[in-house]
Amino acid sequence: MRDLALIFVMALAAALGVGLVGAFALRLLRHRSITVHVCVLLAVTVAAVVAGVVVVAQAMFLSAHDLQVVLLTVAAAAAVSLAIGWSFGRRLAVAAVWADQARERERRIEKGRRDLVAWVSHDLRTPLAGLRAMAEALEDRVVDDPATVAEYHRRIRVQTDRMTRLVDDLFELSRINAGALRLSLSAVPLGEVVSDALAGAAPLAAARRIRLVAAESGWPTVLASEPELARVVGNLLLNAVRYTPEDGTVHIDGGWERDDAWLAVADTCGGIPENDLPRLFDVAFRGEPARTPRSNGEGSGGLGLAIVRGLVEAHGGRVDVQNTEGGCRFVVRLPATAS
């Protein structure tokens, strides 16, 4: 019994020595991945077993052959343990990273939801207050001269149109986020969609003395749903017109690149702060005060670019933005069809 206790103490002492070294190593590697930690932990465990076996074997005067057999057995078990540990360590690392990304994405979504509620509440409350004031003024005959009455009617129509656009944008965004968007894909000539979008933006561009310049040829045919594609092009074009100073220029062109078709809308807005570029397609993001809605109803609810990204990604494409000399350039890439 005394011999067994002595063997236990000797093995424990050897294992503790290896364990202390392993704990120090784990402390040095505390910033490394989970896979590294799991592999080091298994290696320390195996090394502790080997140290205990070697110390006990030396004390018991085992033959070199017997010690070699024991060490080979331990080495085989160690190889299997390390392989399994490395495999499951990688899975744990991937799961941990995925969970962290999921939490971060959930936080971003929740923040975006709160921002959206705040922006929409503001954008609805402001015109509603104006509409009520003008309606009460007309009802109480505070204003009765034809010119003022006509102006009030015009303002009511403008504010109603603005709220209608906001509600439409919210509905479209909810369809995208809920996965309820159903696309009817077909071969769509991009040039025709651009032509219609230019016609829609022409009155606003003319009022602001902004030149709309479009390529005359070279337009690709894309695989897309025409109504949603028209929404994408229209939103990008109107966004460029709204934020381009008077007497500026908005240029739109397109073409092929490998298996994709691309559409680019460039303006002379003066550029976007670099810190705002990654957030430009976020819901309700407006950035600098200069990009907030105007009092004349031209502005949007901060949803136009978020809708653009959602619709483009629903088509299997992507949209990017970058600053250029004197402005910025939005580029949409979509699957192309054979011309």
Foldseek 3Di string as FASTA:
>chain_A
DVVVVVLVVQLVVQLVVLVVVLVVVCVVCVVPAQLVVLLSVLVSVLSSNLRSLVRSCVVVVPDPVVNVVVVVVSVVVSVVSNVVSNVVSVVVRVVVVVVVVVVVVVVQVVVLVVLLVVLLVVLVVVLVVVLVVLVVCVVVVVDDDPVVVVVSVVSNVLSVVQVVQQVVLVVLLVCLVVVVDDWDWDWAFVVVLLVVLCVVCVVLCVVLQEAEAEDPDATFIFTGRSVLVSLLNNLLVLLQSVQAHRNWYWYWYWHDDVQKIKIKIKTQNQEDPPVCQVVLLRAQDQHDPSRADDPSNSHHSSRSSVSNQSRLVVQVWGWHKDADVRTIMIMIIHGGDDD
